[in-house]
Amino acid sequence: MTMASKSDNAGDESAQEADEPVEPTSAVETARRQLSHAADHLDIDPNVVERLKHPKKVHEVTIPVERDDGTVEVFTGYRAQHDSVRGPYKGGLRYHPHVTRDECVGLGMWMTWKCAVMDLPFGGAKGGVAVDPKELSTDEKERLTRRFAQELRDAIGPNRDIPAPDMGTDPQTMAWLMDAYSMQEGETIPGVVTGKPPVVGGSEGREEAPGRSVAIITQLVCEYYDRPLAETTVAVQGYGSVGANAARLLDDWGATVVAISDVNGAMYDPAGIDTASVPSHDEEPEAVTTYADTVITNDELLTLDVDVLVPAALGNVITEANADAIAADLVIEGANGPTTAAADSILAARDVAVIPDILANAGGVTVSYFEWLQDINRRSWSLERVNDELETEMRAAWRAVRTEFEARDVTWRDAAYIVALTRIAEAHESRGLWP
């Protein structure tokens, strides 16, 4: 299958920071627009669609934290629980200065779609605290996390709502949250969160999973369009846990990674970058440009003449302002919501295939599901089993989305939403509406 032969249909759980978006778009507005667009392709009860436009609950809490100098500062935290018709709420907790209620609602909606695309027995949620984690000491971050766990105690639980790491949080954050919740409950409950260190019930391969799934989907998409990885050039915006793992795997599998970036700029080498020699954000924060001979901006990276572009940083980086300049034939979304609705339309009109985040980076929630299974069964899996199971699940999801893409005159994003919405609607119709 070549790109030209599909031209009529082409288009459309943490990530490293990049440049601030030039066209801010509300996550909840984007999520609702995508929901309505997908629903137009289905014979579905409009009442179900109306229910899915709204979260079931949004918890807003104040979190007083004693700073190291003895002063007390009060932060605002949120937990948006969107839909649980298919199982407990699932989604990340982020620490970032720009966390808002609407952002959490929109990201929680995306988690509902993502879990449904992967056919996981979870619903969607998202939460966070409006705080700059770089301005917190380790002790302050721990106090913040433990107090946040206390405030959310009645909202979360292994069969109710299961948080995970996201932007600004990490396995240690999840370990503190799990410990605080367990102390409150009087017993160790590792299944209350995922993304923990393996020593306290976490899963091998969890931290690398979103990047691994991006690489797996990139490989499958390239196969679909008859593009051998050995002849494929790739640019990756964001060199955090998603971007670095994706770039390194694609490099190992034969692709030529020509650009990687962090918040300070991008390393560019048209001959190919030895990705293993460049530390990720987790290994050495904001170090990419210090290892580069040639430095370009993040904006320039997005418009490089490459085969595959992987935006794996913040949302809203591909916008109406730069969509016409995107030179890649394939965009694989590693970040959550990196493409605005206006940009999506432009790329679709230009026959640029955009593989949506709810499929591409779903490895994180999928291995979180594996971790949850390990926790409730008190039996750990090997890294080999985790990776094998992840590949099996990603391929199954890819086949389901590909089937809809080929059967309908829709974009890849619409095809993924059609898969998700069909499964969620069937569950709602089966369970009915409480009187």
Protein backbone atom coordinates (compact mmCIF):
# COMPACT_ATOMS: atom_id res chain seq x y z
CA MET A 1 0.00 0.00 0.00
CA THR A 2 1.49 3.34 -1.01
CA MET A 3 0.76 6.76 0.38
CA ALA A 4 -0.81 7.83 -2.92
CA SER A 5 -3.19 4.91 -3.07
CA LYS A 6 -4.73 5.88 0.28
CA SER A 7 -4.67 9.63 -0.36
CA ASP A 8 -8.44 9.98 -0.28
CA ASN A 9 -8.57 8.60 3.27
CA ALA A 10 -5.28 9.78 4.73
CA GLY A 11 -4.97 12.29 7.53
CA ASP A 12 -6.14 12.08 10.51
CA GLU A 13 -0.29 8.59 30.59
CA SER A 14 3.85 11.99 30.45
CA ALA A 15 5.92 13.94 28.07
CA GLN A 16 8.84 16.35 27.79
CA GLU A 17 8.14 20.06 27.57
CA ALA A 18 8.59 21.95 24.30
CA ASP A 19 7.85 25.49 23.14
CA GLU A 20 4.58 26.97 24.39
CA PRO A 21 1.73 26.47 21.89
CA VAL A 22 1.01 29.41 19.64
CA GLU A 23 -2.65 28.50 19.22
CA PRO A 24 -4.04 27.42 22.59
CA THR A 25 -7.03 25.11 22.24
CA SER A 26 -9.06 23.89 25.19
CA ALA A 27 -8.60 20.15 25.67
CA VAL A 28 -12.25 19.71 26.54
CA GLU A 29 -13.40 21.65 23.45
CA THR A 30 -11.14 19.55 21.24
CA ALA A 31 -12.29 16.30 22.85
CA ARG A 32 -15.96 17.19 22.42
CA ARG A 33 -15.43 18.21 18.80
CA GLN A 34 -13.67 14.93 18.05
CA LEU A 35 -16.46 13.00 19.78
CA SER A 36 -19.17 14.70 17.73
CA HIS A 37 -17.20 14.24 14.52
CA ALA A 38 -16.83 10.50 15.10
CA ALA A 39 -20.46 10.13 16.16
CA ASP A 40 -21.54 11.53 12.78
CA HIS A 41 -20.19 8.36 11.17
CA LEU A 42 -22.17 6.01 13.42
CA ASP A 43 -25.80 5.07 13.96
CA ILE A 44 -25.62 5.77 17.66
CA ASP A 45 -28.08 7.00 20.25
CA PRO A 46 -27.55 10.79 20.45
CA ASN A 47 -28.36 10.61 24.17
CA VAL A 48 -25.25 8.48 24.71
CA VAL A 49 -23.17 11.04 22.83
CA GLU A 50 -24.64 13.83 24.97
CA ARG A 51 -23.72 11.95 28.16
CA LEU A 52 -20.15 11.47 26.93
CA LYS A 53 -19.68 15.21 26.42
CA HIS A 54 -19.66 15.66 30.19
CA PRO A 55 -17.61 14.21 33.05
CA LYS A 56 -19.40 12.25 35.73
CA LYS A 57 -17.57 14.12 38.49
CA VAL A 58 -14.84 16.70 38.92
CA HIS A 59 -13.16 16.89 42.32
CA GLU A 60 -11.48 20.20 43.17
CA VAL A 61 -9.41 20.37 46.34
CA THR A 62 -7.11 22.81 48.10
CA ILE A 63 -3.76 21.45 49.22
CA PRO A 64 -1.89 23.34 51.95
CA VAL A 65 1.81 22.51 51.93
CA GLU A 66 4.47 23.56 54.40
CA ARG A 67 7.50 24.79 52.50
CA ASP A 68 10.99 24.07 53.71
CA ASP A 69 11.29 27.61 55.10
CA GLY A 70 8.25 27.07 57.33
CA THR A 71 5.76 29.06 55.26
CA VAL A 72 2.53 27.49 54.06
CA GLU A 73 1.44 27.68 50.44
CA VAL A 74 -1.94 26.51 49.18
CA PHE A 75 -2.25 24.79 45.80
CA THR A 76 -5.33 23.71 43.83
CA GLY A 77 -5.75 20.12 42.71
CA TYR A 78 -8.26 18.41 40.44
CA ARG A 79 -9.47 14.92 39.56
CA ALA A 80 -11.86 14.72 36.63
CA GLN A 81 -13.67 11.38 36.34
CA HIS A 82 -15.22 11.17 32.90
CA ASP A 83 -16.82 7.76 32.33
CA SER A 84 -16.71 4.39 34.09
CA VAL A 85 -19.19 2.33 32.07
CA ARG A 86 -16.45 -0.15 31.07
CA GLY A 87 -14.61 -0.24 34.40
CA PRO A 88 -12.80 1.86 37.02
CA TYR A 89 -11.59 5.33 36.09
CA LYS A 90 -7.98 5.39 34.87
CA GLY A 91 -5.64 8.24 34.09
CA GLY A 92 -2.60 10.25 35.03
CA LEU A 93 -1.87 12.89 37.65
CA ARG A 94 0.24 15.81 36.48
CA TYR A 95 2.06 18.57 38.32
CA HIS A 96 2.26 21.61 36.06
CA PRO A 97 1.63 25.35 36.50
CA HIS A 98 -1.07 25.37 33.81
CA VAL A 99 -3.24 22.54 35.15
CA THR A 100 -6.91 23.58 35.00
CA ARG A 101 -10.29 22.00 35.51
CA ASP A 102 -11.09 22.02 31.79
CA GLU A 103 -7.73 20.53 30.89
CA CYS A 104 -8.35 17.64 33.28
CA VAL A 105 -11.86 17.11 31.88
CA GLY A 106 -10.61 17.05 28.30
CA LEU A 107 -7.69 14.74 29.06
CA GLY A 108 -10.01 12.50 31.07
CA MET A 109 -12.25 12.20 28.01
CA TRP A 110 -9.24 11.21 25.92
CA MET A 111 -8.42 8.51 28.47
CA THR A 112 -11.94 7.09 28.05
CA TRP A 113 -11.39 6.83 24.29
CA LYS A 114 -7.87 5.48 24.73
CA CYS A 115 -8.93 2.67 27.06
CA ALA A 116 -11.77 1.78 24.69
CA VAL A 117 -9.51 1.75 21.62
CA MET A 118 -7.24 -0.68 23.48
CA ASP A 119 -10.31 -2.64 24.71
CA LEU A 120 -9.20 -2.29 28.34
CA PRO A 121 -11.75 -2.66 31.18
CA PHE A 122 -11.25 0.93 32.34
CA GLY A 123 -12.93 4.29 31.98
CA GLY A 124 -11.19 7.64 31.74
CA ALA A 125 -9.97 10.17 34.29
CA LYS A 126 -7.26 12.79 34.65
CA GLY A 127 -6.03 14.97 37.45
CA GLY A 128 -3.30 17.23 38.63
CA VAL A 129 -2.09 20.09 40.74
CA ALA A 130 -1.44 23.60 39.49
CA VAL A 131 2.17 23.81 40.62
CA ASP A 132 5.62 24.07 39.07
CA PRO A 133 7.36 20.90 40.32
CA LYS A 134 10.75 22.42 39.47
CA GLU A 135 10.18 24.92 42.29
CA LEU A 136 9.57 22.19 44.89
CA SER A 137 12.23 20.38 46.86
CA THR A 138 11.93 16.60 47.11
CA ASP A 139 10.50 16.93 50.63
CA GLU A 140 7.97 19.55 49.51
CA LYS A 141 6.87 17.38 46.60
CA GLU A 142 6.39 14.46 48.95
CA ARG A 143 4.30 16.54 51.37
CA LEU A 144 2.21 17.84 48.46
CA THR A 145 1.61 14.32 47.16
CA ARG A 146 0.67 12.85 50.51
CA ARG A 147 -1.78 15.68 51.25
CA PHE A 148 -3.25 15.34 47.74
CA ALA A 149 -3.76 11.61 48.43
CA GLN A 150 -5.59 12.49 51.63
CA GLU A 151 -7.86 14.96 49.83
CA LEU A 152 -8.66 12.40 47.11
CA ARG A 153 -9.00 9.45 49.47
CA ASP A 154 -12.72 8.94 48.90
CA ALA A 155 -12.43 9.44 45.13
CA ILE A 156 -9.72 6.91 44.28
CA GLY A 157 -9.18 3.21 44.87
CA PRO A 158 -8.13 0.04 43.02
CA ASN A 159 -11.71 -0.62 41.90
CA ARG A 160 -12.78 3.03 41.70
CA ASP A 161 -10.14 5.30 40.18
CA ILE A 162 -6.50 4.40 39.57
CA PRO A 163 -4.05 7.31 39.01
CA ALA A 164 -0.70 7.03 37.20
CA PRO A 165 2.30 9.26 36.45
CA ASP A 166 2.02 12.10 33.97
CA MET A 167 3.81 15.35 33.27
CA GLY A 168 5.77 16.45 36.34
CA THR A 169 5.17 13.22 38.27
CA ASP A 170 7.07 9.94 38.26
CA PRO A 171 7.26 6.47 39.87
CA GLN A 172 8.40 7.99 43.17
CA THR A 173 5.33 10.24 43.22
CA MET A 174 3.13 7.18 42.75
CA ALA A 175 4.95 5.34 45.54
CA TRP A 176 4.23 8.22 47.94
CA LEU A 177 0.60 8.34 46.87
CA MET A 178 0.20 4.58 47.26
CA ASP A 179 1.84 4.66 50.70
CA ALA A 180 -0.31 7.56 51.89
CA TYR A 181 -3.51 5.87 50.68
CA SER A 182 -2.47 2.54 52.19
CA MET A 183 -1.69 4.15 55.57
CA GLN A 184 -5.14 5.76 55.55
CA GLU A 185 -6.79 2.43 54.73
CA GLY A 186 -4.72 0.43 57.23
CA GLU A 187 -3.40 -2.08 54.69
CA THR A 188 -1.02 -2.09 51.74
CA ILE A 189 -3.01 -1.52 48.55
CA PRO A 190 -0.57 -1.39 45.62
CA GLY A 191 -3.38 -1.44 43.03
CA VAL A 192 -4.55 2.09 43.92
CA VAL A 193 -1.99 3.55 41.48
CA THR A 194 0.11 2.31 38.59
CA GLY A 195 3.49 3.47 37.37
CA LYS A 196 5.10 2.67 40.74
CA PRO A 197 8.65 1.37 41.16
CA PRO A 198 8.66 -2.43 40.71
CA VAL A 199 9.95 -2.90 44.28
CA VAL A 200 6.55 -1.73 45.62
CA GLY A 201 4.30 -3.42 43.10
CA GLY A 202 5.10 -1.60 39.88
CA SER A 203 5.48 -3.35 36.56
CA GLU A 204 8.63 -3.88 34.58
CA GLY A 205 8.47 -1.89 31.36
CA ARG A 206 5.81 0.58 32.53
CA GLU A 207 7.92 3.73 32.23
CA GLU A 208 9.09 2.84 28.73
CA ALA A 209 5.67 1.67 27.52
CA PRO A 210 4.25 4.87 25.92
CA GLY A 211 7.41 5.32 23.85
CA ARG A 212 7.46 1.63 22.95
CA SER A 213 3.88 1.79 21.71
CA VAL A 214 4.70 4.87 19.61
CA ALA A 215 7.56 2.92 18.02
CA ILE A 216 5.39 -0.16 17.43
CA ILE A 217 2.65 1.88 15.77
CA THR A 218 5.21 3.78 13.68
CA GLN A 219 6.58 0.47 12.43
CA LEU A 220 3.09 -0.82 11.60
CA VAL A 221 2.11 2.38 9.80
CA CYS A 222 5.31 2.34 7.76
CA GLU A 223 4.60 -1.27 6.80
CA TYR A 224 1.06 -0.28 5.79
CA TYR A 225 2.38 2.41 3.46
CA ASP A 226 5.21 0.21 2.11
CA ARG A 227 7.95 2.25 3.76
CA PRO A 228 10.83 0.06 5.03
CA LEU A 229 12.15 1.45 8.32
CA ALA A 230 15.67 1.25 6.90
CA GLU A 231 14.63 3.88 4.35
CA THR A 232 12.64 6.05 6.77
CA THR A 233 13.77 9.32 8.37
CA VAL A 234 12.26 10.40 11.68
CA ALA A 235 12.13 13.62 13.72
CA VAL A 236 11.06 13.43 17.37
CA GLN A 237 9.99 16.53 19.28
CA GLY A 238 10.47 15.90 22.99
CA TYR A 239 13.16 13.65 24.43
CA GLY A 240 11.44 12.65 27.66
CA SER A 241 10.14 9.22 28.57
CA VAL A 242 7.94 9.01 25.45
CA GLY A 243 10.16 10.58 22.82
CA ALA A 244 13.46 9.08 23.94
CA ASN A 245 12.16 5.52 24.16
CA ALA A 246 10.40 5.83 20.80
CA ALA A 247 13.47 7.32 19.13
CA ARG A 248 15.84 4.70 20.52
CA LEU A 249 13.64 1.78 19.50
CA LEU A 250 13.13 3.14 15.99
CA ASP A 251 16.88 3.71 15.77
CA ASP A 252 17.49 0.10 16.88
CA TRP A 253 14.96 -1.15 14.32
CA GLY A 254 16.76 0.57 11.45
CA ALA A 255 15.12 3.98 11.03
CA THR A 256 17.26 7.10 10.69
CA VAL A 257 16.45 9.52 13.50
CA VAL A 258 17.64 12.91 12.26
CA ALA A 259 16.31 15.24 14.98
CA ILE A 260 15.43 15.12 18.68
CA SER A 261 14.65 17.99 21.03
CA ASP A 262 13.96 19.28 24.50
CA VAL A 263 12.70 22.62 25.78
CA ASN A 264 15.99 24.35 24.83
CA GLY A 265 15.99 23.32 21.17
CA ALA A 266 16.73 20.43 18.86
CA MET A 267 19.73 18.38 17.81
CA TYR A 268 19.78 17.91 14.04
CA ASP A 269 21.95 15.58 11.98
CA PRO A 270 20.69 14.54 8.52
CA ALA A 271 23.08 11.58 8.59
CA GLY A 272 21.36 10.20 11.67
CA ILE A 273 21.73 10.55 15.44
CA ASP A 274 23.11 7.85 17.72
CA THR A 275 20.15 8.14 20.07
CA ALA A 276 21.67 5.89 22.73
CA SER A 277 24.51 8.40 23.22
CA VAL A 278 22.17 11.32 23.99
CA PRO A 279 20.71 11.28 27.52
CA SER A 280 16.95 11.50 27.86
CA HIS A 281 15.29 14.15 30.01
CA ASP A 282 15.04 11.61 32.84
CA GLU A 283 18.74 10.77 32.59
CA GLU A 284 20.06 14.34 32.26
CA PRO A 285 17.42 17.09 32.14
CA GLU A 286 17.54 19.54 29.24
CA ALA A 287 20.80 18.11 27.88
CA VAL A 288 19.97 17.47 24.23
CA THR A 289 21.43 20.67 22.78
CA THR A 290 24.66 20.31 24.79
CA TYR A 291 25.39 17.11 22.83
CA ALA A 292 24.54 18.65 19.44
CA ASP A 293 26.85 19.90 16.71
CA THR A 294 23.91 21.51 14.91
CA VAL A 295 21.07 23.08 16.91
CA ILE A 296 17.71 24.13 15.46
CA THR A 297 14.55 25.34 17.15
CA ASN A 298 11.58 23.18 18.10
CA ASP A 299 9.52 25.01 15.48
CA GLU A 300 12.10 24.16 12.81
CA LEU A 301 12.09 20.51 13.86
CA LEU A 302 8.35 20.29 13.21
CA THR A 303 8.79 21.38 9.59
CA LEU A 304 11.82 19.24 8.68
CA ASP A 305 11.61 17.30 5.43
CA VAL A 306 11.36 13.84 7.00
CA ASP A 307 9.17 10.79 6.43
CA VAL A 308 7.84 10.57 10.00
CA LEU A 309 7.24 13.32 12.55
CA VAL A 310 6.66 12.31 16.18
CA PRO A 311 5.42 15.22 18.34
CA ALA A 312 6.09 13.80 21.82
CA ALA A 313 6.15 16.95 23.94
CA LEU A 314 3.25 19.22 24.91
CA GLY A 315 -0.18 19.55 23.30
CA ASN A 316 -1.10 22.09 20.63
CA VAL A 317 2.29 22.23 18.90
CA ILE A 318 0.95 21.53 15.39
CA THR A 319 -1.39 24.42 14.73
CA GLU A 320 -3.15 26.31 11.96
CA ALA A 321 -0.06 28.53 11.82
CA ASN A 322 2.39 25.75 10.94
CA ALA A 323 0.30 22.88 9.53
CA ASP A 324 0.93 23.92 5.93
CA ALA A 325 4.67 23.79 6.61
CA ILE A 326 4.66 20.22 7.97
CA ALA A 327 6.75 18.31 5.42
CA ALA A 328 6.42 14.79 6.89
CA ASP A 329 4.08 12.30 5.20
CA LEU A 330 3.27 10.59 8.51
CA VAL A 331 2.60 12.19 11.90
CA ILE A 332 2.57 9.79 14.87
CA GLU A 333 1.23 11.55 17.97
CA GLY A 334 3.37 10.71 20.99
CA ALA A 335 2.07 13.54 23.18
CA ASN A 336 -1.54 14.02 24.27
CA GLY A 337 -3.34 16.37 21.88
CA PRO A 338 -0.34 17.74 19.95
CA THR A 339 -2.48 18.64 16.90
CA THR A 340 -5.18 21.29 17.06
CA ALA A 341 -8.50 20.75 15.28
CA ALA A 342 -7.70 23.43 12.69
CA ALA A 343 -4.32 21.86 11.98
CA ASP A 344 -5.93 18.43 11.74
CA SER A 345 -8.20 19.64 8.95
CA ILE A 346 -5.29 21.19 7.08
CA LEU A 347 -3.19 18.03 7.32
CA ALA A 348 -6.12 15.87 6.20
CA ALA A 349 -6.66 18.09 3.16
CA ARG A 350 -2.95 17.73 2.36
CA ASP A 351 -3.14 13.90 2.61
CA VAL A 352 -0.80 13.80 5.60
CA ALA A 353 -1.61 10.69 7.65
CA VAL A 354 -1.98 11.55 11.35
CA ILE A 355 -2.07 8.58 13.73
CA PRO A 356 -3.83 9.80 16.87
CA ASP A 357 -2.50 9.81 20.40
CA ILE A 358 -5.31 7.59 21.69
CA LEU A 359 -3.76 4.75 19.68
CA ALA A 360 -0.08 5.64 19.34
CA ASN A 361 0.83 6.40 22.96
CA ALA A 362 -1.63 3.96 24.56
CA GLY A 363 1.20 1.72 25.70
CA GLY A 364 1.28 3.56 29.01
CA VAL A 365 -2.28 2.76 30.04
CA THR A 366 -1.98 -0.74 28.58
CA VAL A 367 1.00 -1.63 30.76
CA SER A 368 -0.74 0.14 33.64
CA TYR A 369 -3.52 -2.41 33.12
CA PHE A 370 -0.90 -5.17 33.25
CA GLU A 371 0.46 -3.64 36.47
CA TRP A 372 -3.02 -3.50 37.98
CA LEU A 373 -3.53 -7.17 37.12
CA GLN A 374 -0.20 -8.04 38.76
CA ASP A 375 -1.14 -6.07 41.88
CA ILE A 376 -4.60 -7.57 42.39
CA ASN A 377 -3.27 -11.06 41.69
CA ARG A 378 -0.06 -10.52 43.73
CA ARG A 379 2.03 -12.01 40.95
CA SER A 380 4.65 -10.12 38.92
CA TRP A 381 5.43 -10.53 35.24
CA SER A 382 8.83 -10.56 33.54
CA LEU A 383 9.86 -7.66 31.27
CA GLU A 384 9.76 -10.06 28.33
CA ARG A 385 6.16 -10.99 29.07
CA VAL A 386 5.14 -7.36 29.52
CA ASN A 387 6.68 -6.36 26.18
CA ASP A 388 5.21 -9.38 24.37
CA GLU A 389 1.75 -8.71 25.78
CA LEU A 390 2.04 -5.02 24.90
CA GLU A 391 2.92 -5.78 21.30
CA THR A 392 -0.01 -8.19 21.07
CA GLU A 393 -2.43 -5.56 22.37
CA MET A 394 -1.03 -2.78 20.15
CA ARG A 395 -1.33 -4.96 17.05
CA ALA A 396 -4.91 -5.89 17.93
CA ALA A 397 -5.85 -2.22 18.40
CA TRP A 398 -4.09 -1.31 15.15
CA ARG A 399 -6.06 -3.97 13.27
CA ALA A 400 -9.36 -2.68 14.68
CA VAL A 401 -8.56 0.91 13.69
CA ARG A 402 -7.20 -0.12 10.29
CA THR A 403 -10.42 -2.03 9.58
CA GLU A 404 -12.54 1.10 10.15
CA PHE A 405 -10.10 3.26 8.19
CA GLU A 406 -10.34 0.97 5.16
CA ALA A 407 -14.11 0.48 5.41
CA ARG A 408 -15.03 4.17 5.66
CA ASP A 409 -14.00 7.42 4.01
CA VAL A 410 -12.48 8.76 7.24
CA THR A 411 -9.16 9.83 8.69
CA TRP A 412 -7.08 7.69 11.00
CA ARG A 413 -8.23 9.79 13.95
CA ASP A 414 -11.87 9.29 13.06
CA ALA A 415 -11.27 5.56 12.63
CA ALA A 416 -9.80 5.32 16.14
CA TYR A 417 -12.68 7.31 17.62
CA ILE A 418 -15.19 5.13 15.78
CA VAL A 419 -13.66 2.02 17.37
CA ALA A 420 -13.71 3.63 20.82
CA LEU A 421 -17.17 5.16 20.57
CA THR A 422 -18.72 1.96 19.27
CA ARG A 423 -17.44 0.02 22.27
CA ILE A 424 -18.44 2.68 24.80
CA ALA A 425 -21.90 3.16 23.28
CA GLU A 426 -22.56 -0.58 23.34
CA ALA A 427 -21.62 -0.67 27.02
CA HIS A 428 -23.89 2.30 27.83
CA GLU A 429 -26.79 0.82 25.90
CA SER A 430 -26.30 -2.54 27.61
CA ARG A 431 -26.19 -1.09 31.10
CA GLY A 432 -28.91 1.50 30.54
CA LEU A 433 -29.56 4.72 32.44
CA TRP A 434 -30.24 4.71 36.18
CA PRO A 435 -33.76 6.17 36.71
